[in-house]
Amino acid sequence: MVKTSLVDKYINDGRILISALDKDGFLIDTAMWFYSEELDEWQLIVATPLVDQVGLRETLKRAQSIIREMTSISLSLSDISILSPHSNLINAIKSTVRRSKDVILKGTVANGILVNDAYIYCVA
């Protein structure tokens, strides 16, 4: 999903997927679309304590099984990055945005990390 702007369809698809992950027990800590200038692509980033509890591989397997069942969205596992809530990026976002929903960040430096563009669904 390489593009320079995030369109409403992807924002809505991300919201649907995050809701499905949450219902499956993912305990979403932080969820956002994050634009990587280096890769020239948007990634849906989901931070969940499952990564610390059961490991990244098992968490990715669970996410993949949920995504496969969702025919109404145009996202795949390659569009998603799953992180620990304790990762550097998530800590940087939390230092800037606290307990918020539907926040847009553009050209922000958070804890030394440049956030070119991000659409944040939620931050715990």
N, C-alpha and C. Protein backbone atom coordinates (compact mmCIF):
# COMPACT_ATOMS: atom_id res chain seq x y z
N MET A 1 0.84 -1.18 0.00
CA MET A 1 0.00 0.00 0.00
C MET A 1 0.89 1.24 0.00
N VAL A 2 1.60 1.48 -1.04
CA VAL A 2 2.48 2.64 -1.13
C VAL A 2 1.68 3.83 -1.65
N LYS A 3 1.74 4.90 -0.90
CA LYS A 3 1.06 6.12 -1.32
C LYS A 3 1.56 7.27 -0.46
N THR A 4 1.27 8.47 -0.87
CA THR A 4 1.73 9.61 -0.10
C THR A 4 0.64 10.21 0.77
N SER A 5 -0.62 9.85 0.55
CA SER A 5 -1.66 10.36 1.42
C SER A 5 -2.54 9.22 1.90
N LEU A 6 -3.01 9.35 3.10
CA LEU A 6 -3.88 8.33 3.69
C LEU A 6 -5.32 8.71 3.37
N VAL A 7 -6.05 7.81 2.76
CA VAL A 7 -7.42 8.11 2.37
C VAL A 7 -8.40 7.53 3.38
N ASP A 8 -9.62 8.07 3.35
CA ASP A 8 -10.64 7.67 4.32
C ASP A 8 -10.87 6.16 4.35
N LYS A 9 -10.78 5.50 3.19
CA LYS A 9 -11.01 4.06 3.15
C LYS A 9 -10.04 3.33 4.07
N TYR A 10 -8.78 3.71 4.04
CA TYR A 10 -7.80 3.04 4.89
C TYR A 10 -7.99 3.40 6.36
N ILE A 11 -8.42 4.63 6.62
CA ILE A 11 -8.71 5.01 8.00
C ILE A 11 -9.87 4.16 8.52
N ASN A 12 -10.91 4.00 7.70
CA ASN A 12 -12.06 3.19 8.12
C ASN A 12 -11.70 1.72 8.23
N ASP A 13 -10.96 1.18 7.27
CA ASP A 13 -10.53 -0.22 7.34
C ASP A 13 -9.68 -0.46 8.57
N GLY A 14 -8.79 0.47 8.88
CA GLY A 14 -7.97 0.34 10.09
C GLY A 14 -8.81 0.31 11.34
N ARG A 15 -9.81 1.17 11.39
CA ARG A 15 -10.71 1.21 12.55
C ARG A 15 -11.45 -0.12 12.72
N ILE A 16 -11.92 -0.67 11.60
CA ILE A 16 -12.63 -1.95 11.63
C ILE A 16 -11.70 -3.06 12.13
N LEU A 17 -10.49 -3.09 11.60
CA LEU A 17 -9.53 -4.12 12.01
C LEU A 17 -9.15 -3.97 13.48
N ILE A 18 -8.90 -2.78 13.94
CA ILE A 18 -8.54 -2.55 15.34
C ILE A 18 -9.67 -3.03 16.25
N SER A 19 -10.89 -2.75 15.86
CA SER A 19 -12.04 -3.21 16.64
C SER A 19 -12.09 -4.73 16.70
N ALA A 20 -11.84 -5.39 15.57
CA ALA A 20 -11.84 -6.85 15.52
C ALA A 20 -10.71 -7.43 16.38
N LEU A 21 -9.53 -6.82 16.31
CA LEU A 21 -8.41 -7.29 17.14
C LEU A 21 -8.74 -7.12 18.62
N ASP A 22 -9.32 -5.99 18.97
CA ASP A 22 -9.68 -5.71 20.35
C ASP A 22 -10.70 -6.74 20.86
N LYS A 23 -11.69 -7.05 20.04
CA LYS A 23 -12.71 -8.04 20.42
C LYS A 23 -12.10 -9.42 20.61
N ASP A 24 -10.99 -9.69 19.91
CA ASP A 24 -10.32 -10.98 20.03
C ASP A 24 -9.34 -11.02 21.20
N GLY A 25 -9.29 -9.97 21.98
CA GLY A 25 -8.44 -9.97 23.17
C GLY A 25 -7.06 -9.40 22.99
N PHE A 26 -6.86 -8.59 21.94
CA PHE A 26 -5.54 -8.02 21.71
C PHE A 26 -5.16 -6.92 22.70
N LEU A 27 -6.10 -6.39 23.44
CA LEU A 27 -5.82 -5.32 24.39
C LEU A 27 -4.97 -4.23 23.73
N ILE A 28 -5.59 -3.48 22.87
CA ILE A 28 -4.90 -2.45 22.10
C ILE A 28 -4.43 -1.33 23.01
N ASP A 29 -3.14 -1.10 23.03
CA ASP A 29 -2.53 -0.03 23.82
C ASP A 29 -2.49 1.25 22.99
N THR A 30 -1.98 1.15 21.79
CA THR A 30 -1.87 2.27 20.87
C THR A 30 -2.12 1.74 19.46
N ALA A 31 -2.84 2.51 18.66
CA ALA A 31 -3.08 2.12 17.27
C ALA A 31 -3.05 3.37 16.40
N MET A 32 -2.34 3.26 15.28
CA MET A 32 -2.21 4.43 14.42
C MET A 32 -1.72 4.05 13.03
N TRP A 33 -2.04 4.90 12.08
CA TRP A 33 -1.38 4.84 10.78
C TRP A 33 -0.15 5.73 10.91
N PHE A 34 0.98 5.24 10.46
CA PHE A 34 2.25 5.95 10.59
C PHE A 34 2.92 5.97 9.23
N TYR A 35 3.28 7.16 8.77
CA TYR A 35 3.94 7.28 7.46
C TYR A 35 5.45 7.26 7.65
N SER A 36 6.10 6.32 6.97
CA SER A 36 7.55 6.23 6.97
C SER A 36 8.07 6.88 5.70
N GLU A 37 8.78 7.98 5.86
CA GLU A 37 9.34 8.65 4.68
C GLU A 37 10.40 7.79 4.02
N GLU A 38 11.18 7.07 4.82
CA GLU A 38 12.22 6.20 4.27
C GLU A 38 11.64 5.14 3.35
N LEU A 39 10.53 4.54 3.76
CA LEU A 39 9.90 3.49 2.97
C LEU A 39 8.87 4.02 2.00
N ASP A 40 8.50 5.29 2.15
CA ASP A 40 7.45 5.92 1.36
C ASP A 40 6.17 5.10 1.41
N GLU A 41 5.78 4.74 2.65
CA GLU A 41 4.54 3.99 2.80
C GLU A 41 3.94 4.21 4.19
N TRP A 42 2.65 3.96 4.24
CA TRP A 42 1.90 4.00 5.49
C TRP A 42 1.88 2.60 6.08
N GLN A 43 2.01 2.50 7.39
CA GLN A 43 1.87 1.24 8.11
C GLN A 43 0.84 1.44 9.20
N LEU A 44 -0.03 0.47 9.35
CA LEU A 44 -0.95 0.47 10.48
C LEU A 44 -0.18 -0.15 11.64
N ILE A 45 0.08 0.64 12.65
CA ILE A 45 0.86 0.17 13.79
C ILE A 45 -0.09 -0.10 14.95
N VAL A 46 0.01 -1.30 15.50
CA VAL A 46 -0.80 -1.70 16.64
C VAL A 46 0.15 -2.13 17.75
N ALA A 47 0.04 -1.48 18.89
CA ALA A 47 0.84 -1.87 20.05
C ALA A 47 -0.06 -2.62 21.02
N THR A 48 0.38 -3.80 21.40
CA THR A 48 -0.40 -4.65 22.29
C THR A 48 0.53 -5.36 23.27
N PRO A 49 0.09 -5.52 24.52
CA PRO A 49 0.91 -6.25 25.48
C PRO A 49 1.07 -7.73 25.13
N LEU A 50 0.29 -8.22 24.18
CA LEU A 50 0.45 -9.62 23.75
C LEU A 50 1.86 -9.89 23.25
N VAL A 51 2.48 -8.89 22.64
CA VAL A 51 3.84 -9.07 22.13
C VAL A 51 4.77 -9.45 23.27
N ASP A 52 4.62 -8.80 24.43
CA ASP A 52 5.46 -9.11 25.59
C ASP A 52 5.03 -10.40 26.27
N GLN A 53 3.75 -10.73 26.19
CA GLN A 53 3.23 -11.90 26.90
C GLN A 53 3.46 -13.22 26.15
N VAL A 54 3.17 -13.23 24.84
CA VAL A 54 3.27 -14.49 24.09
C VAL A 54 4.29 -14.44 22.96
N GLY A 55 4.88 -13.27 22.72
CA GLY A 55 5.88 -13.12 21.67
C GLY A 55 5.29 -12.58 20.38
N LEU A 56 6.15 -12.00 19.57
CA LEU A 56 5.72 -11.39 18.32
C LEU A 56 5.18 -12.42 17.33
N ARG A 57 5.84 -13.55 17.21
CA ARG A 57 5.42 -14.56 16.23
C ARG A 57 3.98 -15.04 16.51
N GLU A 58 3.69 -15.36 17.75
CA GLU A 58 2.35 -15.83 18.11
C GLU A 58 1.31 -14.72 17.93
N THR A 59 1.68 -13.49 18.27
CA THR A 59 0.78 -12.36 18.11
C THR A 59 0.47 -12.14 16.62
N LEU A 60 1.49 -12.24 15.77
CA LEU A 60 1.28 -12.10 14.32
C LEU A 60 0.38 -13.21 13.77
N LYS A 61 0.54 -14.42 14.27
CA LYS A 61 -0.31 -15.54 13.84
C LYS A 61 -1.77 -15.26 14.17
N ARG A 62 -2.00 -14.77 15.38
CA ARG A 62 -3.37 -14.44 15.79
C ARG A 62 -3.94 -13.33 14.91
N ALA A 63 -3.14 -12.31 14.65
CA ALA A 63 -3.60 -11.20 13.81
C ALA A 63 -3.92 -11.71 12.40
N GLN A 64 -3.06 -12.54 11.85
CA GLN A 64 -3.27 -13.07 10.50
C GLN A 64 -4.57 -13.86 10.42
N SER A 65 -4.88 -14.66 11.43
CA SER A 65 -6.12 -15.45 11.38
C SER A 65 -7.35 -14.54 11.41
N ILE A 66 -7.27 -13.43 12.11
CA ILE A 66 -8.37 -12.48 12.15
C ILE A 66 -8.51 -11.77 10.81
N ILE A 67 -7.39 -11.33 10.25
CA ILE A 67 -7.41 -10.60 8.98
C ILE A 67 -7.96 -11.48 7.86
N ARG A 68 -7.59 -12.75 7.85
CA ARG A 68 -8.08 -13.67 6.81
C ARG A 68 -9.59 -13.77 6.79
N GLU A 69 -10.21 -13.67 7.96
CA GLU A 69 -11.67 -13.79 8.06
C GLU A 69 -12.38 -12.50 7.65
N MET A 70 -11.67 -11.42 7.54
CA MET A 70 -12.27 -10.11 7.28
C MET A 70 -12.24 -9.80 5.79
N THR A 71 -13.29 -10.14 5.10
CA THR A 71 -13.34 -9.89 3.66
C THR A 71 -13.78 -8.47 3.33
N SER A 72 -14.26 -7.74 4.33
CA SER A 72 -14.79 -6.40 4.07
C SER A 72 -13.72 -5.31 4.09
N ILE A 73 -12.47 -5.67 4.40
CA ILE A 73 -11.41 -4.66 4.42
C ILE A 73 -10.34 -5.01 3.40
N SER A 74 -9.59 -3.99 3.00
CA SER A 74 -8.57 -4.19 1.96
C SER A 74 -7.16 -4.19 2.56
N LEU A 75 -7.03 -4.62 3.81
CA LEU A 75 -5.72 -4.65 4.46
C LEU A 75 -5.22 -6.08 4.56
N SER A 76 -3.90 -6.21 4.56
CA SER A 76 -3.28 -7.51 4.76
C SER A 76 -2.24 -7.36 5.86
N LEU A 77 -1.68 -8.47 6.27
CA LEU A 77 -0.67 -8.43 7.33
C LEU A 77 0.53 -7.59 6.92
N SER A 78 0.80 -7.47 5.63
CA SER A 78 1.94 -6.66 5.18
C SER A 78 1.72 -5.17 5.39
N ASP A 79 0.47 -4.76 5.63
CA ASP A 79 0.16 -3.36 5.90
C ASP A 79 0.28 -3.01 7.38
N ILE A 80 0.55 -4.02 8.21
CA ILE A 80 0.47 -3.85 9.65
C ILE A 80 1.81 -4.15 10.31
N SER A 81 2.14 -3.36 11.32
CA SER A 81 3.27 -3.65 12.19
C SER A 81 2.72 -3.77 13.60
N ILE A 82 3.07 -4.84 14.26
CA ILE A 82 2.62 -5.05 15.64
C ILE A 82 3.83 -4.88 16.54
N LEU A 83 3.66 -4.01 17.54
CA LEU A 83 4.76 -3.66 18.43
C LEU A 83 4.38 -3.87 19.88
N SER A 84 5.40 -3.92 20.71
CA SER A 84 5.20 -3.89 22.16
C SER A 84 4.81 -2.48 22.56
N PRO A 85 3.99 -2.32 23.58
CA PRO A 85 3.68 -0.97 24.08
C PRO A 85 4.91 -0.25 24.64
N HIS A 86 6.00 -0.99 24.80
CA HIS A 86 7.23 -0.42 25.37
C HIS A 86 8.27 -0.09 24.30
N SER A 87 7.90 -0.18 23.03
CA SER A 87 8.85 0.11 21.95
C SER A 87 9.17 1.61 21.93
N ASN A 88 10.29 1.96 21.34
CA ASN A 88 10.71 3.36 21.28
C ASN A 88 9.68 4.24 20.59
N LEU A 89 9.14 3.78 19.46
CA LEU A 89 8.16 4.58 18.74
C LEU A 89 6.91 4.82 19.58
N ILE A 90 6.41 3.79 20.20
CA ILE A 90 5.19 3.93 21.00
C ILE A 90 5.45 4.84 22.20
N ASN A 91 6.59 4.69 22.84
CA ASN A 91 6.92 5.59 23.95
C ASN A 91 7.01 7.04 23.49
N ALA A 92 7.56 7.25 22.30
CA ALA A 92 7.65 8.61 21.76
C ALA A 92 6.26 9.19 21.50
N ILE A 93 5.38 8.39 20.91
CA ILE A 93 4.01 8.86 20.65
C ILE A 93 3.31 9.18 21.97
N LYS A 94 3.49 8.31 22.96
CA LYS A 94 2.84 8.53 24.27
C LYS A 94 3.36 9.78 24.96
N SER A 95 4.60 10.16 24.67
CA SER A 95 5.15 11.37 25.29
C SER A 95 4.52 12.63 24.70
N THR A 96 3.96 12.50 23.51
CA THR A 96 3.36 13.64 22.82
C THR A 96 1.84 13.65 22.92
N VAL A 97 1.25 12.47 22.79
CA VAL A 97 -0.21 12.34 22.80
C VAL A 97 -0.59 11.42 23.95
N ARG A 98 -1.38 11.92 24.86
CA ARG A 98 -1.75 11.12 26.03
C ARG A 98 -3.25 10.85 26.06
N ARG A 99 -3.56 9.58 26.18
CA ARG A 99 -4.96 9.15 26.32
C ARG A 99 -5.90 9.91 25.40
N SER A 100 -5.58 9.85 24.15
CA SER A 100 -6.36 10.58 23.15
C SER A 100 -6.89 9.64 22.09
N LYS A 101 -7.82 10.15 21.30
CA LYS A 101 -8.35 9.40 20.17
C LYS A 101 -8.44 10.32 18.97
N ASP A 102 -8.23 9.74 17.79
CA ASP A 102 -8.35 10.45 16.52
C ASP A 102 -7.56 11.75 16.49
N VAL A 103 -6.24 11.59 16.60
CA VAL A 103 -5.31 12.71 16.58
C VAL A 103 -4.44 12.61 15.33
N ILE A 104 -4.18 13.74 14.71
CA ILE A 104 -3.28 13.78 13.55
C ILE A 104 -2.02 14.50 13.98
N LEU A 105 -0.86 13.88 13.70
CA LEU A 105 0.43 14.51 13.94
C LEU A 105 1.11 14.71 12.59
N LYS A 106 1.70 15.87 12.40
CA LYS A 106 2.45 16.16 11.17
C LYS A 106 3.71 16.92 11.56
N GLY A 107 4.84 16.44 11.08
CA GLY A 107 6.11 17.13 11.30
C GLY A 107 6.43 17.36 12.76
N THR A 108 6.21 16.35 13.56
CA THR A 108 6.44 16.45 15.00
C THR A 108 7.66 15.62 15.39
N VAL A 109 8.47 16.13 16.30
CA VAL A 109 9.56 15.34 16.84
C VAL A 109 9.14 14.94 18.26
N ALA A 110 9.10 13.64 18.49
CA ALA A 110 8.70 13.11 19.79
C ALA A 110 9.82 12.23 20.33
N ASN A 111 10.40 12.63 21.44
CA ASN A 111 11.52 11.88 22.03
C ASN A 111 12.60 11.58 21.00
N GLY A 112 12.89 12.53 20.14
CA GLY A 112 13.94 12.37 19.15
C GLY A 112 13.53 11.59 17.90
N ILE A 113 12.28 11.18 17.82
CA ILE A 113 11.79 10.44 16.65
C ILE A 113 10.93 11.38 15.82
N LEU A 114 11.25 11.50 14.53
CA LEU A 114 10.48 12.35 13.64
C LEU A 114 9.20 11.62 13.23
N VAL A 115 8.08 12.27 13.49
CA VAL A 115 6.79 11.77 13.05
C VAL A 115 6.35 12.67 11.91
N ASN A 116 6.62 12.23 10.67
CA ASN A 116 6.27 13.02 9.50
C ASN A 116 4.76 13.18 9.40
N ASP A 117 4.07 12.07 9.57
CA ASP A 117 2.62 12.07 9.42
C ASP A 117 2.08 10.85 10.14
N ALA A 118 1.06 11.05 10.96
CA ALA A 118 0.45 9.94 11.67
C ALA A 118 -1.01 10.25 11.93
N TYR A 119 -1.83 9.23 11.82
CA TYR A 119 -3.23 9.33 12.22
C TYR A 119 -3.38 8.35 13.37
N ILE A 120 -3.62 8.87 14.54
CA ILE A 120 -3.65 8.06 15.76
C ILE A 120 -5.09 7.77 16.16
N TYR A 121 -5.43 6.48 16.17
CA TYR A 121 -6.77 6.08 16.59
C TYR A 121 -6.91 6.20 18.10
N CYS A 122 -5.91 5.67 18.81
CA CYS A 122 -6.00 5.69 20.27
C CYS A 122 -4.60 5.54 20.89
N VAL A 123 -4.45 6.14 22.05
CA VAL A 123 -3.24 6.01 22.86
C VAL A 123 -3.71 5.75 24.29
N ALA A 124 -3.23 4.68 24.87
CA ALA A 124 -3.65 4.34 26.25
C ALA A 124 -2.94 5.23 27.26
